[in-house]
């Protein structure tokens, strides 16, 4: 016999489902069993759509935050990866456009953050010289 709520296989003599704890009562008819299982499936689909819509929105927000955080390349890379992951999870929702926008922003900012990080690491040996040039420029501009 199968549980009415979770669909798990349970022994015929069981009083409650061992998986979800629902009281087990025999079905009056095959039609009642079919209706309850269909209602359970529809409820699960609605919950999945709601969850994936949240993932789509989170993807877009994380993509925008990755743009804002471009001056901190490590954070940009992390936010971009999260935007891509949430976008993939949310791509099956009604808010698919938000998920796609989050994925696109995530990919663009991931590449941009990595390029920015490589440029910063290439300029690291010249940090002191660049700082002196910048301060000299500021001093000449203020005089």
N, C-alpha and C. Protein backbone atom coordinates (compact mmCIF):
# COMPACT_ATOMS: atom_id res chain seq x y z
N UNK A 1 0.85 -1.17 0.00
CA UNK A 1 0.00 0.00 0.00
C UNK A 1 0.90 1.24 0.00
N UNK A 2 0.42 2.32 -0.58
CA UNK A 2 1.17 3.57 -0.64
C UNK A 2 0.50 4.61 0.24
N UNK A 3 1.35 5.49 0.83
CA UNK A 3 0.86 6.57 1.67
C UNK A 3 0.11 7.60 0.83
N UNK A 4 -0.99 8.13 1.36
CA UNK A 4 -1.79 9.14 0.65
C UNK A 4 -1.05 10.46 0.52
N UNK A 5 -0.21 10.79 1.50
CA UNK A 5 0.43 12.09 1.51
C UNK A 5 1.75 12.09 0.75
N UNK A 6 2.67 11.18 1.10
CA UNK A 6 4.00 11.23 0.49
C UNK A 6 4.22 10.18 -0.59
N UNK A 7 3.33 9.20 -0.71
CA UNK A 7 3.45 8.21 -1.76
C UNK A 7 4.43 7.09 -1.46
N UNK A 8 4.96 7.05 -0.24
CA UNK A 8 5.92 6.01 0.13
C UNK A 8 5.22 4.67 0.31
N UNK A 9 5.95 3.62 0.01
CA UNK A 9 5.41 2.27 0.17
C UNK A 9 5.42 1.92 1.66
N UNK A 10 4.25 1.50 2.18
CA UNK A 10 4.14 1.14 3.60
C UNK A 10 3.44 -0.22 3.72
N UNK A 11 3.69 -0.93 4.81
CA UNK A 11 3.04 -2.23 4.99
C UNK A 11 1.52 -2.09 5.08
N UNK A 12 0.78 -3.12 4.65
CA UNK A 12 -0.67 -3.08 4.65
C UNK A 12 -1.26 -2.94 6.05
N UNK A 13 -0.61 -3.46 7.07
CA UNK A 13 -1.15 -3.43 8.42
C UNK A 13 -0.74 -2.17 9.20
N UNK A 14 0.02 -1.26 8.58
CA UNK A 14 0.50 -0.06 9.28
C UNK A 14 -0.66 0.89 9.57
N UNK A 15 -0.57 1.59 10.72
CA UNK A 15 -1.57 2.58 11.10
C UNK A 15 -1.17 3.99 10.71
N UNK A 16 0.17 4.23 10.64
CA UNK A 16 0.70 5.52 10.21
C UNK A 16 1.85 5.28 9.24
N UNK A 17 2.11 6.28 8.41
CA UNK A 17 3.23 6.20 7.46
C UNK A 17 4.54 6.39 8.23
N UNK A 18 5.50 5.55 7.98
CA UNK A 18 6.79 5.66 8.65
C UNK A 18 7.65 6.79 8.12
N UNK A 19 7.28 7.37 6.96
CA UNK A 19 8.07 8.44 6.36
C UNK A 19 7.57 9.83 6.76
N UNK A 20 6.24 10.02 6.71
CA UNK A 20 5.72 11.37 6.97
C UNK A 20 4.80 11.43 8.21
N UNK A 21 4.43 10.29 8.76
CA UNK A 21 3.62 10.28 9.98
C UNK A 21 2.13 10.43 9.75
N UNK A 22 1.67 10.40 8.51
CA UNK A 22 0.26 10.54 8.22
C UNK A 22 -0.50 9.28 8.60
N UNK A 23 -1.68 9.46 9.15
CA UNK A 23 -2.54 8.33 9.49
C UNK A 23 -2.94 7.60 8.21
N UNK A 24 -2.87 6.27 8.26
CA UNK A 24 -3.18 5.46 7.09
C UNK A 24 -4.60 4.93 7.20
N UNK A 25 -5.41 5.27 6.23
CA UNK A 25 -6.76 4.75 6.15
C UNK A 25 -6.95 4.21 4.74
N UNK A 26 -7.63 3.11 4.60
CA UNK A 26 -7.82 2.56 3.26
C UNK A 26 -8.70 3.48 2.41
N UNK A 27 -8.46 3.47 1.11
CA UNK A 27 -9.25 4.27 0.18
C UNK A 27 -10.62 3.64 -0.01
N UNK A 28 -11.62 4.50 -0.15
CA UNK A 28 -12.96 4.00 -0.43
C UNK A 28 -13.06 3.50 -1.86
N UNK A 29 -12.35 4.19 -2.75
CA UNK A 29 -12.39 3.78 -4.15
C UNK A 29 -11.10 4.17 -4.84
N UNK A 30 -10.91 3.63 -6.01
CA UNK A 30 -9.74 3.95 -6.82
C UNK A 30 -9.78 5.42 -7.23
N UNK A 31 -10.98 5.94 -7.47
CA UNK A 31 -11.14 7.35 -7.86
C UNK A 31 -10.69 8.28 -6.74
N UNK A 32 -11.00 7.97 -5.49
CA UNK A 32 -10.57 8.79 -4.35
C UNK A 32 -9.06 8.78 -4.26
N UNK A 33 -8.46 7.63 -4.45
CA UNK A 33 -7.00 7.52 -4.41
C UNK A 33 -6.37 8.38 -5.50
N UNK A 34 -6.91 8.32 -6.72
CA UNK A 34 -6.38 9.10 -7.82
C UNK A 34 -6.49 10.60 -7.56
N UNK A 35 -7.64 11.05 -7.01
CA UNK A 35 -7.84 12.47 -6.71
C UNK A 35 -6.84 12.98 -5.67
N UNK A 36 -6.64 12.20 -4.62
CA UNK A 36 -5.72 12.63 -3.57
C UNK A 36 -4.28 12.67 -4.06
N UNK A 37 -3.90 11.70 -4.88
CA UNK A 37 -2.54 11.71 -5.41
C UNK A 37 -2.33 12.87 -6.38
N UNK A 38 -3.34 13.18 -7.17
CA UNK A 38 -3.25 14.32 -8.09
C UNK A 38 -3.16 15.63 -7.31
N UNK A 39 -3.94 15.76 -6.23
CA UNK A 39 -3.87 16.96 -5.40
C UNK A 39 -2.49 17.10 -4.77
N UNK A 40 -1.91 15.99 -4.35
CA UNK A 40 -0.57 16.02 -3.77
C UNK A 40 0.46 16.47 -4.81
N UNK A 41 0.37 15.94 -6.03
CA UNK A 41 1.31 16.32 -7.09
C UNK A 41 1.16 17.79 -7.45
N UNK A 42 -0.08 18.28 -7.55
CA UNK A 42 -0.31 19.69 -7.87
C UNK A 42 0.26 20.60 -6.79
N UNK A 43 0.11 20.21 -5.53
CA UNK A 43 0.65 21.00 -4.43
C UNK A 43 2.18 21.05 -4.51
N UNK A 44 2.81 19.93 -4.82
CA UNK A 44 4.27 19.91 -4.95
C UNK A 44 4.73 20.78 -6.10
N UNK A 45 4.01 20.73 -7.22
CA UNK A 45 4.39 21.57 -8.37
C UNK A 45 4.29 23.05 -8.01
N UNK A 46 3.24 23.43 -7.30
CA UNK A 46 3.08 24.83 -6.90
C UNK A 46 4.22 25.26 -5.98
N UNK A 47 4.61 24.41 -5.06
CA UNK A 47 5.72 24.73 -4.16
C UNK A 47 7.02 24.86 -4.94
N UNK A 48 7.25 23.98 -5.91
CA UNK A 48 8.47 24.05 -6.71
C UNK A 48 8.50 25.34 -7.53
N UNK A 49 7.36 25.71 -8.13
CA UNK A 49 7.32 26.95 -8.91
C UNK A 49 7.59 28.16 -8.03
N UNK A 50 7.02 28.17 -6.83
CA UNK A 50 7.25 29.28 -5.91
C UNK A 50 8.71 29.37 -5.52
N UNK A 51 9.32 28.23 -5.22
CA UNK A 51 10.73 28.21 -4.83
C UNK A 51 11.62 28.65 -5.98
N UNK A 52 11.34 28.17 -7.20
CA UNK A 52 12.20 28.54 -8.32
C UNK A 52 12.00 30.00 -8.72
N UNK A 53 10.81 30.57 -8.47
CA UNK A 53 10.61 32.00 -8.72
C UNK A 53 11.49 32.82 -7.77
N UNK A 54 11.63 32.37 -6.54
CA UNK A 54 12.52 33.05 -5.59
C UNK A 54 13.97 32.94 -6.02
N UNK A 55 14.34 31.80 -6.58
CA UNK A 55 15.70 31.63 -7.07
C UNK A 55 15.98 32.56 -8.24
N UNK A 56 14.98 32.74 -9.11
CA UNK A 56 15.15 33.64 -10.26
C UNK A 56 15.37 35.07 -9.79
N UNK A 57 14.57 35.50 -8.82
CA UNK A 57 14.71 36.85 -8.28
C UNK A 57 16.07 37.01 -7.59
N UNK A 58 16.47 36.01 -6.83
CA UNK A 58 17.77 36.06 -6.14
C UNK A 58 18.91 36.14 -7.16
N UNK A 59 18.78 35.43 -8.27
CA UNK A 59 19.80 35.46 -9.31
C UNK A 59 19.98 36.87 -9.86
N UNK A 60 18.86 37.53 -10.15
CA UNK A 60 18.93 38.90 -10.68
C UNK A 60 19.55 39.85 -9.67
N UNK A 61 19.14 39.74 -8.42
CA UNK A 61 19.69 40.62 -7.37
C UNK A 61 21.18 40.38 -7.19
N UNK A 62 21.60 39.12 -7.17
CA UNK A 62 23.03 38.82 -7.02
C UNK A 62 23.83 39.31 -8.22
N UNK A 63 23.24 39.22 -9.42
CA UNK A 63 23.91 39.75 -10.60
C UNK A 63 24.13 41.25 -10.50
N UNK A 64 23.12 41.96 -10.01
CA UNK A 64 23.25 43.42 -9.84
C UNK A 64 24.28 43.73 -8.76
N UNK A 65 24.26 42.99 -7.67
CA UNK A 65 25.24 43.22 -6.61
C UNK A 65 26.66 42.94 -7.08
N UNK A 66 26.83 42.00 -8.00
CA UNK A 66 28.17 41.73 -8.52
C UNK A 66 28.68 42.92 -9.33
N UNK A 67 27.77 43.66 -9.99
CA UNK A 67 28.18 44.87 -10.70
C UNK A 67 28.62 45.93 -9.70
N UNK A 68 27.85 46.09 -8.64
CA UNK A 68 28.14 47.12 -7.63
C UNK A 68 29.47 46.84 -6.93
N UNK A 69 29.82 45.58 -6.78
CA UNK A 69 31.02 45.23 -6.02
C UNK A 69 32.25 45.03 -6.89
N UNK A 70 32.29 45.62 -8.08
CA UNK A 70 33.39 45.37 -9.02
C UNK A 70 34.75 45.80 -8.46
N UNK A 71 34.77 46.74 -7.54
CA UNK A 71 36.06 47.18 -6.99
C UNK A 71 36.66 46.15 -6.03
N UNK A 72 35.88 45.15 -5.68
CA UNK A 72 36.36 44.06 -4.83
C UNK A 72 36.22 42.75 -5.62
N UNK A 73 37.24 42.40 -6.42
CA UNK A 73 37.07 41.29 -7.37
C UNK A 73 36.74 39.95 -6.74
N UNK A 74 37.23 39.67 -5.54
CA UNK A 74 36.90 38.38 -4.92
C UNK A 74 35.40 38.29 -4.61
N UNK A 75 34.85 39.36 -4.11
CA UNK A 75 33.42 39.38 -3.80
C UNK A 75 32.61 39.34 -5.09
N UNK A 76 33.07 40.03 -6.13
CA UNK A 76 32.39 40.00 -7.42
C UNK A 76 32.32 38.58 -7.97
N UNK A 77 33.42 37.86 -7.87
CA UNK A 77 33.46 36.49 -8.39
C UNK A 77 32.50 35.60 -7.61
N UNK A 78 32.48 35.73 -6.30
CA UNK A 78 31.59 34.91 -5.47
C UNK A 78 30.12 35.23 -5.78
N UNK A 79 29.78 36.52 -5.85
CA UNK A 79 28.40 36.92 -6.16
C UNK A 79 28.00 36.46 -7.56
N UNK A 80 28.93 36.52 -8.51
CA UNK A 80 28.63 36.09 -9.87
C UNK A 80 28.35 34.59 -9.93
N UNK A 81 29.14 33.81 -9.23
CA UNK A 81 28.91 32.37 -9.20
C UNK A 81 27.55 32.04 -8.55
N UNK A 82 27.22 32.78 -7.50
CA UNK A 82 25.92 32.56 -6.85
C UNK A 82 24.78 32.97 -7.78
N UNK A 83 24.95 34.06 -8.54
CA UNK A 83 23.92 34.50 -9.48
C UNK A 83 23.70 33.44 -10.56
N UNK A 84 24.77 32.85 -11.03
CA UNK A 84 24.64 31.80 -12.05
C UNK A 84 23.93 30.58 -11.48
N UNK A 85 24.31 30.17 -10.28
CA UNK A 85 23.70 28.99 -9.67
C UNK A 85 22.20 29.21 -9.41
N UNK A 86 21.84 30.34 -8.84
CA UNK A 86 20.43 30.62 -8.59
C UNK A 86 19.65 30.79 -9.90
N UNK A 87 20.30 31.34 -10.90
CA UNK A 87 19.65 31.48 -12.21
C UNK A 87 19.31 30.14 -12.83
N UNK A 88 20.22 29.19 -12.70
CA UNK A 88 19.94 27.85 -13.22
C UNK A 88 18.78 27.22 -12.46
N UNK A 89 18.76 27.38 -11.14
CA UNK A 89 17.66 26.83 -10.34
C UNK A 89 16.33 27.50 -10.66
N UNK A 90 16.36 28.77 -10.96
CA UNK A 90 15.13 29.51 -11.20
C UNK A 90 14.70 29.55 -12.65
N UNK A 91 15.42 28.88 -13.54
CA UNK A 91 15.12 28.98 -14.97
C UNK A 91 13.82 28.28 -15.37
N UNK A 92 13.24 27.48 -14.49
CA UNK A 92 12.00 26.78 -14.82
C UNK A 92 10.76 27.48 -14.25
N UNK A 93 10.94 28.65 -13.72
CA UNK A 93 9.81 29.34 -13.09
C UNK A 93 9.14 30.28 -14.07
N UNK A 94 8.08 30.93 -13.61
CA UNK A 94 7.41 31.94 -14.42
C UNK A 94 8.31 33.15 -14.60
N UNK A 95 9.24 33.34 -13.72
CA UNK A 95 10.14 34.49 -13.78
C UNK A 95 11.44 34.11 -14.50
N UNK A 96 11.29 33.39 -15.58
CA UNK A 96 12.44 32.90 -16.32
C UNK A 96 13.31 34.05 -16.83
N UNK A 97 12.69 35.16 -17.19
CA UNK A 97 13.44 36.32 -17.67
C UNK A 97 14.41 36.84 -16.62
N UNK A 98 13.96 36.88 -15.37
CA UNK A 98 14.85 37.32 -14.30
C UNK A 98 16.00 36.34 -14.12
N UNK A 99 15.71 35.05 -14.25
CA UNK A 99 16.76 34.04 -14.10
C UNK A 99 17.79 34.19 -15.21
N UNK A 100 17.33 34.39 -16.44
CA UNK A 100 18.26 34.55 -17.56
C UNK A 100 19.09 35.82 -17.40
N UNK A 101 18.45 36.90 -16.99
CA UNK A 101 19.18 38.15 -16.76
C UNK A 101 20.24 37.96 -15.67
N UNK A 102 19.90 37.25 -14.60
CA UNK A 102 20.86 36.97 -13.54
C UNK A 102 22.02 36.13 -14.03
N UNK A 103 21.74 35.14 -14.88
CA UNK A 103 22.81 34.30 -15.43
C UNK A 103 23.73 35.13 -16.32
N UNK A 104 23.14 35.94 -17.19
CA UNK A 104 23.95 36.77 -18.10
C UNK A 104 24.81 37.74 -17.30
N UNK A 105 24.21 38.44 -16.34
CA UNK A 105 25.00 39.35 -15.50
C UNK A 105 26.09 38.60 -14.75
N UNK A 106 25.75 37.42 -14.24
CA UNK A 106 26.73 36.62 -13.51
C UNK A 106 27.92 36.23 -14.37
N UNK A 107 27.66 35.79 -15.59
CA UNK A 107 28.75 35.39 -16.49
C UNK A 107 29.62 36.59 -16.86
N UNK A 108 28.97 37.70 -17.22
CA UNK A 108 29.72 38.90 -17.60
C UNK A 108 30.59 39.37 -16.44
N UNK A 109 30.00 39.43 -15.24
CA UNK A 109 30.76 39.94 -14.10
C UNK A 109 31.79 38.93 -13.61
N UNK A 110 31.56 37.65 -13.83
CA UNK A 110 32.58 36.65 -13.48
C UNK A 110 33.82 36.86 -14.33
N UNK A 111 33.64 37.03 -15.63
CA UNK A 111 34.78 37.27 -16.53
C UNK A 111 35.44 38.60 -16.19
N UNK A 112 34.62 39.64 -15.97
CA UNK A 112 35.17 40.96 -15.65
C UNK A 112 35.95 40.92 -14.33
N UNK A 113 35.41 40.25 -13.33
CA UNK A 113 36.09 40.16 -12.04
C UNK A 113 37.40 39.41 -12.15
N UNK A 114 37.42 38.36 -12.96
CA UNK A 114 38.67 37.60 -13.11
C UNK A 114 39.72 38.42 -13.85
N UNK A 115 39.30 39.14 -14.89
CA UNK A 115 40.24 40.00 -15.62
C UNK A 115 40.77 41.10 -14.69
N UNK A 116 39.88 41.70 -13.91
CA UNK A 116 40.27 42.74 -12.97
C UNK A 116 41.26 42.19 -11.94
N UNK A 117 41.02 40.99 -11.46
CA UNK A 117 41.90 40.36 -10.49
C UNK A 117 43.28 40.09 -11.09
N UNK A 118 43.33 39.63 -12.32
CA UNK A 118 44.60 39.37 -13.00
C UNK A 118 45.35 40.68 -13.20
N UNK A 119 44.64 41.73 -13.59
CA UNK A 119 45.30 43.04 -13.78
C UNK A 119 45.86 43.57 -12.46
N UNK A 120 45.10 43.43 -11.40
CA UNK A 120 45.59 43.90 -10.10
C UNK A 120 46.81 43.12 -9.65
N UNK A 121 46.80 41.81 -9.87
CA UNK A 121 47.95 41.01 -9.45
C UNK A 121 49.17 41.31 -10.33
N UNK A 122 48.96 41.67 -11.60
CA UNK A 122 50.08 42.02 -12.47
C UNK A 122 50.69 43.36 -12.07
N UNK A 123 49.88 44.26 -11.52
CA UNK A 123 50.36 45.57 -11.11
C UNK A 123 50.90 45.60 -9.68
N UNK A 124 50.76 44.52 -8.95
CA UNK A 124 51.18 44.49 -7.55
C UNK A 124 52.65 44.85 -7.34
N UNK A 125 53.59 44.37 -8.18
CA UNK A 125 55.00 44.76 -7.96
C UNK A 125 55.25 46.25 -8.13
N UNK A 126 54.39 46.94 -8.85
CA UNK A 126 54.57 48.37 -9.12
C UNK A 126 53.67 49.23 -8.25
N UNK A 127 53.16 48.66 -7.18
CA UNK A 127 52.19 49.37 -6.35
C UNK A 127 52.76 50.67 -5.77
N UNK A 128 53.96 50.59 -5.24
CA UNK A 128 54.55 51.78 -4.62
C UNK A 128 54.84 52.87 -5.65
N UNK A 129 55.35 52.48 -6.80
CA UNK A 129 55.63 53.47 -7.85
C UNK A 129 54.33 54.12 -8.35
N UNK A 130 53.30 53.33 -8.52
CA UNK A 130 52.01 53.88 -8.98
C UNK A 130 51.41 54.82 -7.94
N UNK A 131 51.55 54.47 -6.66
CA UNK A 131 51.04 55.34 -5.60
C UNK A 131 51.78 56.67 -5.60
N UNK A 132 53.11 56.62 -5.77
CA UNK A 132 53.90 57.86 -5.81
C UNK A 132 53.50 58.72 -7.00
N UNK A 133 53.30 58.11 -8.17
CA UNK A 133 52.86 58.86 -9.35
C UNK A 133 51.50 59.51 -9.11
N UNK A 134 50.62 58.79 -8.48
CA UNK A 134 49.29 59.32 -8.20
C UNK A 134 49.37 60.50 -7.23
N UNK A 135 50.16 60.38 -6.17
CA UNK A 135 50.30 61.47 -5.21
C UNK A 135 50.97 62.68 -5.84
N UNK A 136 51.97 62.45 -6.70
CA UNK A 136 52.62 63.56 -7.41
C UNK A 136 51.62 64.28 -8.30
N UNK A 137 50.78 63.51 -8.98
CA UNK A 137 49.75 64.10 -9.84
C UNK A 137 48.79 64.94 -9.01
N UNK A 138 48.34 64.41 -7.88
CA UNK A 138 47.43 65.17 -7.02
C UNK A 138 48.08 66.44 -6.51
N UNK A 139 49.33 66.36 -6.13
CA UNK A 139 50.03 67.54 -5.62
C UNK A 139 50.18 68.59 -6.70
N UNK A 140 50.49 68.17 -7.93
CA UNK A 140 50.63 69.14 -9.02
C UNK A 140 49.28 69.75 -9.40
N UNK A 141 48.23 69.00 -9.23
CA UNK A 141 46.90 69.49 -9.60
C UNK A 141 46.38 70.49 -8.57
N UNK A 142 46.74 70.31 -7.29
CA UNK A 142 46.26 71.20 -6.25
C UNK A 142 47.07 72.48 -6.14
N UNK A 143 48.25 72.54 -6.74
CA UNK A 143 49.08 73.75 -6.64
C UNK A 143 48.78 74.75 -7.69
